């Protein structure tokens, strides 16, 4: 089952714009092995809309999900910049430093910053 966990991508975000994101802990059902993933999209009006898409997909793989918090990501693909900030009203603020590290693994040539600023 740990192999199934390894196949889940760390980061799935929109290619451009400012949008909501969540930090999700995915773990093997009835197991201890887990990983944290970042998901973000402009199509989500609220943070829970992202979780409502992620959770069933992970359950289908035999995983359990827990949202660790949320915020916003500003993605500027032209300048190769990502900014992580803000918070989720429903889930609380994600640990943006963890989210930024996850983003660095997928966007190694980007300038990635984070802050606890609301805007």
PDB file of N, CA and C in Angstrom:
ATOM      1  N   UNK A   1       0.808  -1.215   0.000  1.00  0.00           N
ATOM      2  CA  UNK A   1       0.000   0.000   0.000  1.00  0.00           C
ATOM      3  C   UNK A   1       0.841   1.266   0.000  1.00  0.00           C
ATOM      4  N   UNK A   2       2.041   1.173   0.569  1.00  0.00           N
ATOM      5  CA  UNK A   2       2.935   2.339   0.559  1.00  0.00           C
ATOM      6  C   UNK A   2       3.277   2.711  -0.879  1.00  0.00           C
ATOM      7  N   UNK A   3       3.280   1.713  -1.778  1.00  0.00           N
ATOM      8  CA  UNK A   3       3.531   1.988  -3.196  1.00  0.00           C
ATOM      9  C   UNK A   3       2.428   2.861  -3.778  1.00  0.00           C
ATOM     10  N   UNK A   4       1.182   2.579  -3.387  1.00  0.00           N
ATOM     11  CA  UNK A   4       0.042   3.375  -3.855  1.00  0.00           C
ATOM     12  C   UNK A   4       0.183   4.816  -3.384  1.00  0.00           C
ATOM     13  N   UNK A   5       0.671   4.992  -2.170  1.00  0.00           N
ATOM     14  CA  UNK A   5       0.888   6.327  -1.614  1.00  0.00           C
ATOM     15  C   UNK A   5       1.941   7.080  -2.429  1.00  0.00           C
ATOM     16  N   UNK A   6       2.997   6.377  -2.816  1.00  0.00           N
ATOM     17  CA  UNK A   6       4.078   6.989  -3.598  1.00  0.00           C
ATOM     18  C   UNK A   6       3.600   7.465  -4.972  1.00  0.00           C
ATOM     19  N   UNK A   7       2.548   6.830  -5.497  1.00  0.00           N
ATOM     20  CA  UNK A   7       2.032   7.196  -6.821  1.00  0.00           C
ATOM     21  C   UNK A   7       1.178   8.455  -6.803  1.00  0.00           C
ATOM     22  N   UNK A   8       0.748   8.887  -5.628  1.00  0.00           N
ATOM     23  CA  UNK A   8      -0.078  10.095  -5.516  1.00  0.00           C
ATOM     24  C   UNK A   8       0.841  11.309  -5.643  1.00  0.00           C
ATOM     25  N   UNK A   9       0.518  12.188  -6.604  1.00  0.00           N
ATOM     26  CA  UNK A   9       1.370  13.357  -6.820  1.00  0.00           C
ATOM     27  C   UNK A   9       1.311  14.299  -5.624  1.00  0.00           C
ATOM     28  N   UNK A  10       2.460  14.888  -5.300  1.00  0.00           N
ATOM     29  CA  UNK A  10       2.561  15.802  -4.156  1.00  0.00           C
ATOM     30  C   UNK A  10       1.772  17.088  -4.390  1.00  0.00           C
ATOM     31  N   UNK A  11       1.792  17.572  -5.639  1.00  0.00           N
ATOM     32  CA  UNK A  11       1.200  18.879  -5.935  1.00  0.00           C
ATOM     33  C   UNK A  11       0.352  18.821  -7.198  1.00  0.00           C
ATOM     34  N   UNK A  12      -0.872  19.325  -7.095  1.00  0.00           N
ATOM     35  CA  UNK A  12      -1.721  19.559  -8.269  1.00  0.00           C
ATOM     36  C   UNK A  12      -2.367  20.926  -8.077  1.00  0.00           C
ATOM     37  N   UNK A  13      -1.875  21.905  -8.864  1.00  0.00           N
ATOM     38  CA  UNK A  13      -2.410  23.266  -8.783  1.00  0.00           C
ATOM     39  C   UNK A  13      -2.640  23.807 -10.191  1.00  0.00           C
ATOM     40  N   UNK A  14      -3.449  24.863 -10.277  1.00  0.00           N
ATOM     41  CA  UNK A  14      -3.706  25.505 -11.566  1.00  0.00           C
ATOM     42  C   UNK A  14      -2.421  26.134 -12.109  1.00  0.00           C
ATOM     43  N   UNK A  15      -2.299  26.198 -13.450  1.00  0.00           N
ATOM     44  CA  UNK A  15      -1.069  26.701 -14.060  1.00  0.00           C
ATOM     45  C   UNK A  15      -0.876  28.217 -13.973  1.00  0.00           C
ATOM     46  N   UNK A  16      -1.913  28.952 -13.566  1.00  0.00           N
ATOM     47  CA  UNK A  16      -1.814  30.415 -13.539  1.00  0.00           C
ATOM     48  C   UNK A  16      -2.905  30.991 -12.652  1.00  0.00           C
ATOM     49  N   UNK A  17      -2.634  32.159 -12.036  1.00  0.00           N
ATOM     50  CA  UNK A  17      -3.662  32.886 -11.297  1.00  0.00           C
ATOM     51  C   UNK A  17      -3.536  32.766  -9.796  1.00  0.00           C
ATOM     52  N   UNK A  18      -4.512  33.353  -9.099  1.00  0.00           N
ATOM     53  CA  UNK A  18      -4.593  33.288  -7.645  1.00  0.00           C
ATOM     54  C   UNK A  18      -5.813  32.433  -7.300  1.00  0.00           C
ATOM     55  N   UNK A  19      -5.602  31.438  -6.436  1.00  0.00           N
ATOM     56  CA  UNK A  19      -6.668  30.486  -6.151  1.00  0.00           C
ATOM     57  C   UNK A  19      -6.507  29.888  -4.763  1.00  0.00           C
ATOM     58  N   UNK A  20      -7.590  29.295  -4.287  1.00  0.00           N
ATOM     59  CA  UNK A  20      -7.599  28.626  -2.988  1.00  0.00           C
ATOM     60  C   UNK A  20      -6.823  27.315  -3.083  1.00  0.00           C
ATOM     61  N   UNK A  21      -6.209  26.931  -1.950  1.00  0.00           N
ATOM     62  CA  UNK A  21      -5.529  25.639  -1.896  1.00  0.00           C
ATOM     63  C   UNK A  21      -5.726  25.016  -0.524  1.00  0.00           C
ATOM     64  N   UNK A  22      -5.551  23.692  -0.456  1.00  0.00           N
ATOM     65  CA  UNK A  22      -5.570  22.989   0.830  1.00  0.00           C
ATOM     66  C   UNK A  22      -4.347  22.078   0.932  1.00  0.00           C
ATOM     67  N   UNK A  23      -3.923  21.882   2.173  1.00  0.00           N
ATOM     68  CA  UNK A  23      -2.861  20.931   2.494  1.00  0.00           C
ATOM     69  C   UNK A  23      -3.565  19.722   3.102  1.00  0.00           C
ATOM     70  N   UNK A  24      -3.369  18.558   2.490  1.00  0.00           N
ATOM     71  CA  UNK A  24      -4.101  17.351   2.882  1.00  0.00           C
ATOM     72  C   UNK A  24      -3.124  16.266   3.319  1.00  0.00           C
ATOM     73  N   UNK A  25      -3.421  15.631   4.450  1.00  0.00           N
ATOM     74  CA  UNK A  25      -2.643  14.459   4.882  1.00  0.00           C
ATOM     75  C   UNK A  25      -3.361  13.223   4.368  1.00  0.00           C
ATOM     76  N   UNK A  26      -2.658  12.453   3.556  1.00  0.00           N
ATOM     77  CA  UNK A  26      -3.196  11.222   2.991  1.00  0.00           C
ATOM     78  C   UNK A  26      -2.477  10.059   3.654  1.00  0.00           C
ATOM     79  N   UNK A  27      -3.254   9.094   4.156  1.00  0.00           N
ATOM     80  CA  UNK A  27      -2.610   7.922   4.759  1.00  0.00           C
ATOM     81  C   UNK A  27      -3.310   6.647   4.328  1.00  0.00           C
ATOM     82  N   UNK A  28      -2.537   5.588   4.370  1.00  0.00           N
ATOM     83  CA  UNK A  28      -3.078   4.279   4.037  1.00  0.00           C
ATOM     84  C   UNK A  28      -4.117   3.940   5.102  1.00  0.00           C
ATOM     85  N   UNK A  29      -5.309   3.500   4.666  1.00  0.00           N
ATOM     86  CA  UNK A  29      -6.370   3.136   5.623  1.00  0.00           C
ATOM     87  C   UNK A  29      -5.836   2.110   6.610  1.00  0.00           C
ATOM     88  N   UNK A  30      -6.092   2.353   7.883  1.00  0.00           N
ATOM     89  CA  UNK A  30      -5.656   1.465   8.967  1.00  0.00           C
ATOM     90  C   UNK A  30      -4.135   1.306   9.019  1.00  0.00           C
ATOM     91  N   UNK A  31      -3.406   2.283   8.499  1.00  0.00           N
ATOM     92  CA  UNK A  31      -1.941   2.218   8.529  1.00  0.00           C
ATOM     93  C   UNK A  31      -1.351   3.470   9.127  1.00  0.00           C
ATOM     94  N   UNK A  32      -0.032   3.472   9.266  1.00  0.00           N
ATOM     95  CA  UNK A  32       0.668   4.630   9.835  1.00  0.00           C
ATOM     96  C   UNK A  32       1.358   5.465   8.761  1.00  0.00           C
ATOM     97  N   UNK A  33       1.580   4.878   7.591  1.00  0.00           N
ATOM     98  CA  UNK A  33       2.315   5.570   6.530  1.00  0.00           C
ATOM     99  C   UNK A  33       1.434   6.677   5.954  1.00  0.00           C
ATOM    100  N   UNK A  34       2.003   7.888   5.841  1.00  0.00           N
ATOM    101  CA  UNK A  34       1.236   9.007   5.279  1.00  0.00           C
ATOM    102  C   UNK A  34       2.147   9.954   4.508  1.00  0.00           C
ATOM    103  N   UNK A  35       1.519  10.853   3.764  1.00  0.00           N
ATOM    104  CA  UNK A  35       2.228  11.946   3.107  1.00  0.00           C
ATOM    105  C   UNK A  35       1.284  13.129   3.012  1.00  0.00           C
ATOM    106  N   UNK A  36       1.860  14.316   2.913  1.00  0.00           N
ATOM    107  CA  UNK A  36       1.063  15.528   2.777  1.00  0.00           C
ATOM    108  C   UNK A  36       1.082  15.970   1.319  1.00  0.00           C
ATOM    109  N   UNK A  37      -0.070  16.397   0.815  1.00  0.00           N
ATOM    110  CA  UNK A  37      -0.185  16.832  -0.574  1.00  0.00           C
ATOM    111  C   UNK A  37      -0.839  18.208  -0.642  1.00  0.00           C
ATOM    112  N   UNK A  38      -0.552  18.935  -1.714  1.00  0.00           N
ATOM    113  CA  UNK A  38      -1.115  20.266  -1.946  1.00  0.00           C
ATOM    114  C   UNK A  38      -2.043  20.187  -3.153  1.00  0.00           C
ATOM    115  N   UNK A  39      -3.255  20.717  -2.995  1.00  0.00           N
ATOM    116  CA  UNK A  39      -4.219  20.782  -4.089  1.00  0.00           C
ATOM    117  C   UNK A  39      -4.814  22.180  -4.131  1.00  0.00           C
ATOM    118  N   UNK A  40      -4.854  22.786  -5.334  1.00  0.00           N
ATOM    119  CA  UNK A  40      -5.411  24.128  -5.462  1.00  0.00           C
ATOM    120  C   UNK A  40      -5.982  24.370  -6.846  1.00  0.00           C
ATOM    121  N   UNK A  41      -7.091  25.109  -6.881  1.00  0.00           N
ATOM    122  CA  UNK A  41      -7.729  25.397  -8.164  1.00  0.00           C
ATOM    123  C   UNK A  41      -8.619  26.639  -8.099  1.00  0.00           C
ATOM    124  N   UNK A  42      -8.679  27.347  -9.216  1.00  0.00           N
ATOM    125  CA  UNK A  42      -9.548  28.514  -9.335  1.00  0.00           C
ATOM    126  C   UNK A  42     -11.020  28.117  -9.343  1.00  0.00           C
ATOM    127  N   UNK A  43     -11.301  26.881  -9.748  1.00  0.00           N
ATOM    128  CA  UNK A  43     -12.701  26.450  -9.878  1.00  0.00           C
ATOM    129  C   UNK A  43     -13.388  26.281  -8.525  1.00  0.00           C
ATOM    130  N   UNK A  44     -12.609  26.267  -7.434  1.00  0.00           N
ATOM    131  CA  UNK A  44     -13.200  26.098  -6.101  1.00  0.00           C
ATOM    132  C   UNK A  44     -13.609  27.447  -5.523  1.00  0.00           C
ATOM    133  N   UNK A  45     -14.905  27.590  -5.265  1.00  0.00           N
ATOM    134  CA  UNK A  45     -15.387  28.814  -4.625  1.00  0.00           C
ATOM    135  C   UNK A  45     -14.997  28.817  -3.146  1.00  0.00           C
ATOM    136  N   UNK A  46     -15.008  27.631  -2.537  1.00  0.00           N
ATOM    137  CA  UNK A  46     -14.642  27.467  -1.130  1.00  0.00           C
ATOM    138  C   UNK A  46     -13.610  26.345  -1.014  1.00  0.00           C
ATOM    139  N   UNK A  47     -12.824  26.370   0.067  1.00  0.00           N
ATOM    140  CA  UNK A  47     -11.787  25.359   0.271  1.00  0.00           C
ATOM    141  C   UNK A  47     -12.370  23.941   0.340  1.00  0.00           C
ATOM    142  N   UNK A  48     -13.565  23.800   0.937  1.00  0.00           N
ATOM    143  CA  UNK A  48     -14.142  22.456   1.067  1.00  0.00           C
ATOM    144  C   UNK A  48     -14.491  21.849  -0.287  1.00  0.00           C
ATOM    145  N   UNK A  49     -14.670  22.683  -1.327  1.00  0.00           N
ATOM    146  CA  UNK A  49     -14.940  22.158  -2.668  1.00  0.00           C
ATOM    147  C   UNK A  49     -13.732  21.363  -3.178  1.00  0.00           C
ATOM    148  N   UNK A  50     -12.537  21.792  -2.816  1.00  0.00           N
ATOM    149  CA  UNK A  50     -11.329  21.059  -3.216  1.00  0.00           C
ATOM    150  C   UNK A  50     -11.296  19.719  -2.483  1.00  0.00           C
ATOM    151  N   UNK A  51     -11.542  19.774  -1.176  1.00  0.00           N
ATOM    152  CA  UNK A  51     -11.522  18.542  -0.375  1.00  0.00           C
ATOM    153  C   UNK A  51     -12.578  17.543  -0.862  1.00  0.00           C
ATOM    154  N   UNK A  52     -13.746  18.055  -1.259  1.00  0.00           N
ATOM    155  CA  UNK A  52     -14.828  17.188  -1.737  1.00  0.00           C
ATOM    156  C   UNK A  52     -14.455  16.444  -3.016  1.00  0.00           C
ATOM    157  N   UNK A  53     -13.482  16.970  -3.768  1.00  0.00           N
ATOM    158  CA  UNK A  53     -12.993  16.274  -4.961  1.00  0.00           C
ATOM    159  C   UNK A  53     -11.856  15.312  -4.613  1.00  0.00           C
ATOM    160  N   UNK A  54     -10.972  15.741  -3.719  1.00  0.00           N
ATOM    161  CA  UNK A  54      -9.791  14.948  -3.364  1.00  0.00           C
ATOM    162  C   UNK A  54     -10.178  13.702  -2.563  1.00  0.00           C
ATOM    163  N   UNK A  55     -11.041  13.873  -1.572  1.00  0.00           N
ATOM    164  CA  UNK A  55     -11.364  12.785  -0.650  1.00  0.00           C
ATOM    165  C   UNK A  55     -11.882  11.511  -1.338  1.00  0.00           C
ATOM    166  N   UNK A  56     -12.908  11.595  -2.206  1.00  0.00           N
ATOM    167  CA  UNK A  56     -13.389  10.359  -2.855  1.00  0.00           C
ATOM    168  C   UNK A  56     -12.322   9.712  -3.742  1.00  0.00           C
ATOM    169  N   UNK A  57     -11.516  10.525  -4.413  1.00  0.00           N
ATOM    170  CA  UNK A  57     -10.453   9.991  -5.275  1.00  0.00           C
ATOM    171  C   UNK A  57      -9.437   9.202  -4.446  1.00  0.00           C
ATOM    172  N   UNK A  58      -9.100   9.723  -3.257  1.00  0.00           N
ATOM    173  CA  UNK A  58      -8.137   9.038  -2.395  1.00  0.00           C
ATOM    174  C   UNK A  58      -8.761   7.789  -1.754  1.00  0.00           C
ATOM    175  N   UNK A  59     -10.040   7.883  -1.372  1.00  0.00           N
ATOM    176  CA  UNK A  59     -10.725   6.723  -0.794  1.00  0.00           C
ATOM    177  C   UNK A  59     -10.786   5.572  -1.802  1.00  0.00           C
ATOM    178  N   UNK A  60     -10.946   5.909  -3.089  1.00  0.00           N
ATOM    179  CA  UNK A  60     -10.982   4.892  -4.144  1.00  0.00           C
ATOM    180  C   UNK A  60      -9.644   4.152  -4.242  1.00  0.00           C
ATOM    181  N   UNK A  61      -8.570   4.805  -3.788  1.00  0.00           N
ATOM    182  CA  UNK A  61      -7.231   4.191  -3.795  1.00  0.00           C
ATOM    183  C   UNK A  61      -6.930   3.468  -2.476  1.00  0.00           C
ATOM    184  N   UNK A  62      -7.921   3.436  -1.573  1.00  0.00           N
ATOM    185  CA  UNK A  62      -7.720   2.786  -0.278  1.00  0.00           C
ATOM    186  C   UNK A  62      -7.019   3.683   0.733  1.00  0.00           C
ATOM    187  N   UNK A  63      -7.177   4.988   0.568  1.00  0.00           N
ATOM    188  CA  UNK A  63      -6.524   5.961   1.451  1.00  0.00           C
ATOM    189  C   UNK A  63      -7.560   6.694   2.297  1.00  0.00           C
ATOM    190  N   UNK A  64      -7.067   7.323   3.368  1.00  0.00           N
ATOM    191  CA  UNK A  64      -7.881   8.229   4.186  1.00  0.00           C
ATOM    192  C   UNK A  64      -7.283   9.622   4.065  1.00  0.00           C
ATOM    193  N   UNK A  65      -8.126  10.633   4.124  1.00  0.00           N
ATOM    194  CA  UNK A  65      -7.673  12.022   4.000  1.00  0.00           C
ATOM    195  C   UNK A  65      -8.089  12.842   5.202  1.00  0.00           C
ATOM    196  N   UNK A  66      -7.235  13.797   5.531  1.00  0.00           N
ATOM    197  CA  UNK A  66      -7.579  14.787   6.545  1.00  0.00           C
ATOM    198  C   UNK A  66      -7.034  16.121   6.063  1.00  0.00           C
ATOM    199  N   UNK A  67      -7.879  17.144   6.034  1.00  0.00           N
ATOM    200  CA  UNK A  67      -7.412  18.465   5.614  1.00  0.00           C
ATOM    201  C   UNK A  67      -6.697  19.121   6.788  1.00  0.00           C
ATOM    202  N   UNK A  68      -5.446  19.532   6.561  1.00  0.00           N
ATOM    203  CA  UNK A  68      -4.645  20.157   7.610  1.00  0.00           C
ATOM    204  C   UNK A  68      -4.811  21.676   7.636  1.00  0.00           C
ATOM    205  N   UNK A  69      -5.500  22.220   6.633  1.00  0.00           N
ATOM    206  CA  UNK A  69      -5.705  23.664   6.572  1.00  0.00           C
ATOM    207  C   UNK A  69      -5.649  24.137   5.129  1.00  0.00           C
ATOM    208  N   UNK A  70      -5.832  25.436   4.962  1.00  0.00           N
ATOM    209  CA  UNK A  70      -5.845  25.983   3.614  1.00  0.00           C
ATOM    210  C   UNK A  70      -5.315  27.393   3.560  1.00  0.00           C
ATOM    211  N   UNK A  71      -5.398  27.961   2.375  1.00  0.00           N
ATOM    212  CA  UNK A  71      -4.933  29.316   2.135  1.00  0.00           C
ATOM    213  C   UNK A  71      -5.106  29.624   0.666  1.00  0.00           C
ATOM    214  N   UNK A  72      -4.239  30.478   0.153  1.00  0.00           N
ATOM    215  CA  UNK A  72      -4.279  30.832  -1.267  1.00  0.00           C
ATOM    216  C   UNK A  72      -2.885  30.702  -1.855  1.00  0.00           C
ATOM    217  N   UNK A  73      -2.853  30.460  -3.147  1.00  0.00           N
ATOM    218  CA  UNK A  73      -1.599  30.432  -3.900  1.00  0.00           C
ATOM    219  C   UNK A  73      -1.738  31.409  -5.056  1.00  0.00           C
ATOM    220  N   UNK A  74      -0.716  32.228  -5.238  1.00  0.00           N
ATOM    221  CA  UNK A  74      -0.640  33.124  -6.382  1.00  0.00           C
ATOM    222  C   UNK A  74       0.414  32.526  -7.306  1.00  0.00           C
ATOM    223  N   UNK A  75      -0.009  32.085  -8.492  1.00  0.00           N
ATOM    224  CA  UNK A  75       0.878  31.403  -9.434  1.00  0.00           C
ATOM    225  C   UNK A  75       1.118  32.289 -10.651  1.00  0.00           C
ATOM    226  N   UNK A  76       2.351  32.751 -10.802  1.00  0.00           N
ATOM    227  CA  UNK A  76       2.741  33.550 -11.960  1.00  0.00           C
ATOM    228  C   UNK A  76       3.720  32.717 -12.769  1.00  0.00           C
ATOM    229  N   UNK A  77       3.212  32.041 -13.805  1.00  0.00           N
ATOM    230  CA  UNK A  77       4.053  31.135 -14.575  1.00  0.00           C
ATOM    231  C   UNK A  77       5.055  31.879 -15.464  1.00  0.00           C
ATOM    232  N   UNK A  78       4.715  33.103 -15.897  1.00  0.00           N
ATOM    233  CA  UNK A  78       5.650  33.877 -16.726  1.00  0.00           C
ATOM    234  C   UNK A  78       6.911  34.228 -15.938  1.00  0.00           C
ATOM    235  N   UNK A  79       6.705  34.706 -14.701  1.00  0.00           N
ATOM    236  CA  UNK A  79       7.846  35.108 -13.870  1.00  0.00           C
ATOM    237  C   UNK A  79       8.384  33.950 -13.025  1.00  0.00           C
ATOM    238  N   UNK A  80       7.731  32.778 -13.134  1.00  0.00           N
ATOM    239  CA  UNK A  80       8.114  31.595 -12.357  1.00  0.00           C
ATOM    240  C   UNK A  80       8.132  31.897 -10.857  1.00  0.00           C
ATOM    241  N   UNK A  81       6.981  32.397 -10.394  1.00  0.00           N
ATOM    242  CA  UNK A  81       6.836  32.741  -8.972  1.00  0.00           C
ATOM    243  C   UNK A  81       5.577  32.096  -8.402  1.00  0.00           C
ATOM    244  N   UNK A  82       5.701  31.625  -7.170  1.00  0.00           N
ATOM    245  CA  UNK A  82       4.562  31.122  -6.412  1.00  0.00           C
ATOM    246  C   UNK A  82       4.569  31.796  -5.050  1.00  0.00           C
ATOM    247  N   UNK A  83       3.416  32.309  -4.635  1.00  0.00           N
ATOM    248  CA  UNK A  83       3.298  32.924  -3.313  1.00  0.00           C
ATOM    249  C   UNK A  83       2.172  32.222  -2.567  1.00  0.00           C
ATOM    250  N   UNK A  84       2.475  31.753  -1.361  1.00  0.00           N
ATOM    251  CA  UNK A  84       1.510  31.034  -0.525  1.00  0.00           C
ATOM    252  C   UNK A  84       1.136  31.956   0.643  1.00  0.00           C
ATOM    253  N   UNK A  85      -0.170  32.143   0.875  1.00  0.00           N
ATOM    254  CA  UNK A  85      -0.608  33.079   1.918  1.00  0.00           C
ATOM    255  C   UNK A  85      -2.053  32.792   2.296  1.00  0.00           C
ATOM    256  N   UNK A  86      -2.569  33.561   3.248  1.00  0.00           N
ATOM    257  CA  UNK A  86      -3.989  33.507   3.603  1.00  0.00           C
ATOM    258  C   UNK A  86      -4.360  32.309   4.454  1.00  0.00           C
ATOM    259  N   UNK A  87      -5.671  32.100   4.571  1.00  0.00           N
ATOM    260  CA  UNK A  87      -6.176  31.001   5.388  1.00  0.00           C
ATOM    261  C   UNK A  87      -7.544  30.574   4.896  1.00  0.00           C
ATOM    262  N   UNK A  88      -7.991  29.423   5.375  1.00  0.00           N
ATOM    263  CA  UNK A  88      -9.317  28.909   5.063  1.00  0.00           C
ATOM    264  C   UNK A  88     -10.232  29.182   6.248  1.00  0.00           C
ATOM    265  N   UNK A  89     -11.414  29.727   5.982  1.00  0.00           N
ATOM    266  CA  UNK A  89     -12.366  29.971   7.057  1.00  0.00           C
ATOM    267  C   UNK A  89     -12.809  28.651   7.689  1.00  0.00           C
ATOM    268  N   UNK A  90     -13.062  27.643   6.865  1.00  0.00           N
ATOM    269  CA  UNK A  90     -13.562  26.361   7.356  1.00  0.00           C
ATOM    270  C   UNK A  90     -12.499  25.446   7.949  1.00  0.00           C
ATOM    271  N   UNK A  91     -11.320  25.393   7.319  1.00  0.00           N
ATOM    272  CA  UNK A  91     -10.274  24.444   7.740  1.00  0.00           C
ATOM    273  C   UNK A  91      -9.169  25.085   8.570  1.00  0.00           C
ATOM    274  N   UNK A  92      -9.137  26.421   8.644  1.00  0.00           N
ATOM    275  CA  UNK A  92      -8.044  27.099   9.340  1.00  0.00           C
ATOM    276  C   UNK A  92      -6.852  27.273   8.414  1.00  0.00           C
ATOM    277  N   UNK A  93      -5.791  27.879   8.931  1.00  0.00           N
ATOM    278  CA  UNK A  93      -4.607  28.159   8.128  1.00  0.00           C
ATOM    279  C   UNK A  93      -3.729  26.921   8.028  1.00  0.00           C
ATOM    280  N   UNK A  94      -3.322  26.613   6.811  1.00  0.00           N
ATOM    281  CA  UNK A  94      -2.369  25.516   6.616  1.00  0.00           C
ATOM    282  C   UNK A  94      -0.994  25.996   7.066  1.00  0.00           C
ATOM    283  N   UNK A  95      -0.101  25.054   7.357  1.00  0.00           N
ATOM    284  CA  UNK A  95       1.292  25.415   7.632  1.00  0.00           C
ATOM    285  C   UNK A  95       1.920  25.722   6.275  1.00  0.00           C
ATOM    286  N   UNK A  96       1.970  27.026   5.940  1.00  0.00           N
ATOM    287  CA  UNK A  96       2.432  27.443   4.617  1.00  0.00           C
ATOM    288  C   UNK A  96       3.884  27.034   4.357  1.00  0.00           C
ATOM    289  N   UNK A  97       4.684  26.895   5.406  1.00  0.00           N
ATOM    290  CA  UNK A  97       6.081  26.485   5.199  1.00  0.00           C
ATOM    291  C   UNK A  97       6.126  25.055   4.653  1.00  0.00           C
ATOM    292  N   UNK A  98       5.233  24.194   5.129  1.00  0.00           N
ATOM    293  CA  UNK A  98       5.151  22.814   4.626  1.00  0.00           C
ATOM    294  C   UNK A  98       4.669  22.823   3.174  1.00  0.00           C
ATOM    295  N   UNK A  99       3.639  23.626   2.903  1.00  0.00           N
ATOM    296  CA  UNK A  99       3.098  23.731   1.540  1.00  0.00           C
ATOM    297  C   UNK A  99       4.163  24.247   0.578  1.00  0.00           C
ATOM    298  N   UNK A 100       4.918  25.253   1.008  1.00  0.00           N
ATOM    299  CA  UNK A 100       5.974  25.819   0.154  1.00  0.00           C
ATOM    300  C   UNK A 100       7.036  24.768  -0.168  1.00  0.00           C
ATOM    301  N   UNK A 101       7.406  23.948   0.811  1.00  0.00           N
ATOM    302  CA  UNK A 101       8.391  22.882   0.558  1.00  0.00           C
ATOM    303  C   UNK A 101       7.858  21.882  -0.460  1.00  0.00           C
ATOM    304  N   UNK A 102       6.584  21.539  -0.355  1.00  0.00           N
ATOM    305  CA  UNK A 102       5.964  20.628  -1.330  1.00  0.00           C
ATOM    306  C   UNK A 102       6.004  21.248  -2.727  1.00  0.00           C
ATOM    307  N   UNK A 103       5.687  22.548  -2.811  1.00  0.00           N
ATOM    308  CA  UNK A 103       5.706  23.237  -4.103  1.00  0.00           C
ATOM    309  C   UNK A 103       7.119  23.245  -4.698  1.00  0.00           C
ATOM    310  N   UNK A 104       8.136  23.413  -3.840  1.00  0.00           N
ATOM    311  CA  UNK A 104       9.529  23.425  -4.318  1.00  0.00           C
ATOM    312  C   UNK A 104       9.906  22.110  -4.977  1.00  0.00           C
ATOM    313  N   UNK A 105       9.333  21.004  -4.489  1.00  0.00           N
ATOM    314  CA  UNK A 105       9.655  19.701  -5.084  1.00  0.00           C
ATOM    315  C   UNK A 105       9.097  19.583  -6.506  1.00  0.00           C
ATOM    316  N   UNK A 106       8.001  20.276  -6.792  1.00  0.00           N
ATOM    317  CA  UNK A 106       7.394  20.216  -8.127  1.00  0.00           C
ATOM    318  C   UNK A 106       7.780  21.391  -9.016  1.00  0.00           C
ATOM    319  N   UNK A 107       8.170  22.500  -8.408  1.00  0.00           N
ATOM    320  CA  UNK A 107       8.526  23.723  -9.149  1.00  0.00           C
ATOM    321  C   UNK A 107       9.918  24.187  -8.718  1.00  0.00           C
ATOM    322  N   UNK A 108      10.908  23.336  -8.950  1.00  0.00           N
ATOM    323  CA  UNK A 108      12.262  23.599  -8.438  1.00  0.00           C
ATOM    324  C   UNK A 108      12.911  24.840  -9.049  1.00  0.00           C
ATOM    325  N   UNK A 109      12.479  25.258 -10.244  1.00  0.00           N
ATOM    326  CA  UNK A 109      13.070  26.441 -10.881  1.00  0.00           C
ATOM    327  C   UNK A 109      12.280  27.719 -10.583  1.00  0.00           C
ATOM    328  N   UNK A 110      11.350  27.657  -9.644  1.00  0.00           N
ATOM    329  CA  UNK A 110      10.516  28.806  -9.276  1.00  0.00           C
ATOM    330  C   UNK A 110      11.048  29.516  -8.028  1.00  0.00           C
ATOM    331  N   UNK A 111      10.693  30.794  -7.923  1.00  0.00           N
ATOM    332  CA  UNK A 111      10.901  31.558  -6.693  1.00  0.00           C
ATOM    333  C   UNK A 111       9.616  31.371  -5.876  1.00  0.00           C
ATOM    334  N   UNK A 112       9.737  30.693  -4.738  1.00  0.00           N
ATOM    335  CA  UNK A 112       8.550  30.374  -3.927  1.00  0.00           C
ATOM    336  C   UNK A 112       8.652  31.058  -2.569  1.00  0.00           C
ATOM    337  N   UNK A 113       7.629  31.850  -2.250  1.00  0.00           N
ATOM    338  CA  UNK A 113       7.606  32.546  -0.965  1.00  0.00           C
ATOM    339  C   UNK A 113       6.295  32.221  -0.251  1.00  0.00           C
ATOM    340  N   UNK A 114       6.305  32.403   1.073  1.00  0.00           N
ATOM    341  CA  UNK A 114       5.071  32.218   1.849  1.00  0.00           C
ATOM    342  C   UNK A 114       5.041  33.229   2.979  1.00  0.00           C
ATOM    343  N   UNK A 115       3.835  33.545   3.433  1.00  0.00           N
ATOM    344  CA  UNK A 115       3.657  34.444   4.572  1.00  0.00           C
ATOM    345  C   UNK A 115       2.308  34.170   5.180  1.00  0.00           C
ATOM    346  N   UNK A 116       2.096  34.693   6.388  1.00  0.00           N
ATOM    347  CA  UNK A 116       0.807  34.556   7.051  1.00  0.00           C
ATOM    348  C   UNK A 116      -0.110  35.745   6.752  1.00  0.00           C
ATOM    349  N   UNK A 117       0.285  36.563   5.740  1.00  0.00           N
ATOM    350  CA  UNK A 117      -0.547  37.685   5.340  1.00  0.00           C
ATOM    351  C   UNK A 117      -1.891  37.184   4.846  1.00  0.00           C
ATOM    352  N   UNK A 118      -2.919  37.982   5.084  1.00  0.00           N
ATOM    353  CA  UNK A 118      -4.270  37.615   4.644  1.00  0.00           C
ATOM    354  C   UNK A 118      -4.465  37.865   3.150  1.00  0.00           C
ATOM    355  N   UNK A 119      -3.745  38.863   2.601  1.00  0.00           N
ATOM    356  CA  UNK A 119      -3.899  39.209   1.162  1.00  0.00           C
ATOM    357  C   UNK A 119      -2.559  39.303   0.477  1.00  0.00           C
TER     358      UNK A 119
END
